[in-house]
C-alpha atoms as a PDB file:
ATOM      1  CA  MET A   1      -9.005   2.086  -9.982  1.00  0.00           C
ATOM      2  CA  LYS A   2      -9.485  -1.243  -8.233  1.00  0.00           C
ATOM      3  CA  GLN A   3     -12.329  -1.915  -5.839  1.00  0.00           C
ATOM      4  CA  VAL A   4     -11.305  -1.729  -2.223  1.00  0.00           C
ATOM      5  CA  PRO A   5     -12.936  -4.021   0.206  1.00  0.00           C
ATOM      6  CA  GLU A   6     -15.088  -2.213   2.834  1.00  0.00           C
ATOM      7  CA  LYS A   7     -13.089  -3.580   5.857  1.00  0.00           C
ATOM      8  CA  PRO A   8      -9.600  -4.741   5.046  1.00  0.00           C
ATOM      9  CA  ASN A   9      -8.689  -7.558   7.412  1.00  0.00           C
ATOM     10  CA  MET A  10      -5.228  -6.258   8.068  1.00  0.00           C
ATOM     11  CA  SER A  11      -4.034  -4.315  11.063  1.00  0.00           C
ATOM     12  CA  LEU A  12      -2.239  -1.016  10.858  1.00  0.00           C
ATOM     13  CA  GLN A  13       0.958  -2.631  11.998  1.00  0.00           C
ATOM     14  CA  GLU A  14       0.657  -5.410   9.252  1.00  0.00           C
ATOM     15  CA  ALA A  15      -0.032  -2.768   6.596  1.00  0.00           C
ATOM     16  CA  GLU A  16       2.996  -0.696   7.698  1.00  0.00           C
ATOM     17  CA  GLU A  17       5.214  -3.727   7.634  1.00  0.00           C
ATOM     18  CA  HIS A  18       3.852  -4.805   4.224  1.00  0.00           C
ATOM     19  CA  TYR A  19       4.498  -1.288   2.863  1.00  0.00           C
ATOM     20  CA  ARG A  20       8.034  -1.337   4.192  1.00  0.00           C
ATOM     21  CA  LEU A  21       8.685  -4.765   2.636  1.00  0.00           C
ATOM     22  CA  SER A  22       7.108  -3.860  -0.645  1.00  0.00           C
ATOM     23  CA  SER A  23       9.831  -1.222  -1.200  1.00  0.00           C
ATOM     24  CA  GLU A  24      12.078  -4.187  -2.099  1.00  0.00           C
ATOM     25  CA  ASN A  25       9.953  -4.808  -5.219  1.00  0.00           C
ATOM     26  CA  TYR A  26       9.827  -1.116  -6.168  1.00  0.00           C
ATOM     27  CA  ASP A  27      11.880   0.156  -9.096  1.00  0.00           C
ATOM     28  CA  VAL A  28      13.141   3.602  -8.403  1.00  0.00           C
ATOM     29  CA  ASP A  29      13.797   4.135 -12.166  1.00  0.00           C
ATOM     30  CA  SER A  30      10.040   3.995 -12.940  1.00  0.00           C
ATOM     31  CA  GLY A  31       9.613   7.697 -12.052  1.00  0.00           C
ATOM     32  CA  GLU A  32       6.690   6.795  -9.869  1.00  0.00           C
ATOM     33  CA  SER A  33       6.801   7.302  -6.102  1.00  0.00           C
ATOM     34  CA  HIS A  34       6.763   4.205  -3.918  1.00  0.00           C
ATOM     35  CA  LEU A  35       3.460   5.411  -2.417  1.00  0.00           C
ATOM     36  CA  ALA A  36       1.808   5.728  -5.776  1.00  0.00           C
ATOM     37  CA  TYR A  37       3.167   2.304  -6.668  1.00  0.00           C
ATOM     38  CA  TYR A  38       1.795   0.873  -3.464  1.00  0.00           C
ATOM     39  CA  ARG A  39      -1.542   2.525  -3.863  1.00  0.00           C
ATOM     40  CA  GLU A  40      -1.852   0.855  -7.353  1.00  0.00           C
ATOM     41  CA  LYS A  41      -0.614  -2.610  -6.428  1.00  0.00           C
ATOM     42  CA  HIS A  42      -2.156  -2.980  -2.939  1.00  0.00           C
ATOM     43  CA  PRO A  43      -5.226  -0.724  -2.753  1.00  0.00           C
ATOM     44  CA  ALA A  44      -6.780  -2.452   0.418  1.00  0.00           C
ATOM     45  CA  ASN A  45      -3.510  -2.159   2.333  1.00  0.00           C
ATOM     46  CA  TYR A  46      -3.073   1.411   1.176  1.00  0.00           C
ATOM     47  CA  GLN A  47      -6.538   2.143   2.451  1.00  0.00           C
ATOM     48  CA  VAL A  48      -5.594   0.855   5.938  1.00  0.00           C
ATOM     49  CA  LEU A  49      -2.545   3.239   6.001  1.00  0.00           C
ATOM     50  CA  LEU A  50      -4.674   6.103   4.638  1.00  0.00           C
ATOM     51  CA  ASP A  51      -7.307   5.607   7.340  1.00  0.00           C
ATOM     52  CA  SER A  52      -4.712   5.827  10.070  1.00  0.00           C
ATOM     53  CA  VAL A  53      -3.460   9.284   9.011  1.00  0.00           C
END
């Protein structure tokens, strides 16, 4: 797994918007959920979302 910076410099709102927009690049046929795809491709942004739950 990729290293995640200690303090991502992205707000929760920016991370949510980025997650929403990243679905345009997500291939449903891959069999992988969008969340798993996002966690792999954007670990720092995913961490921001995870910390807000």
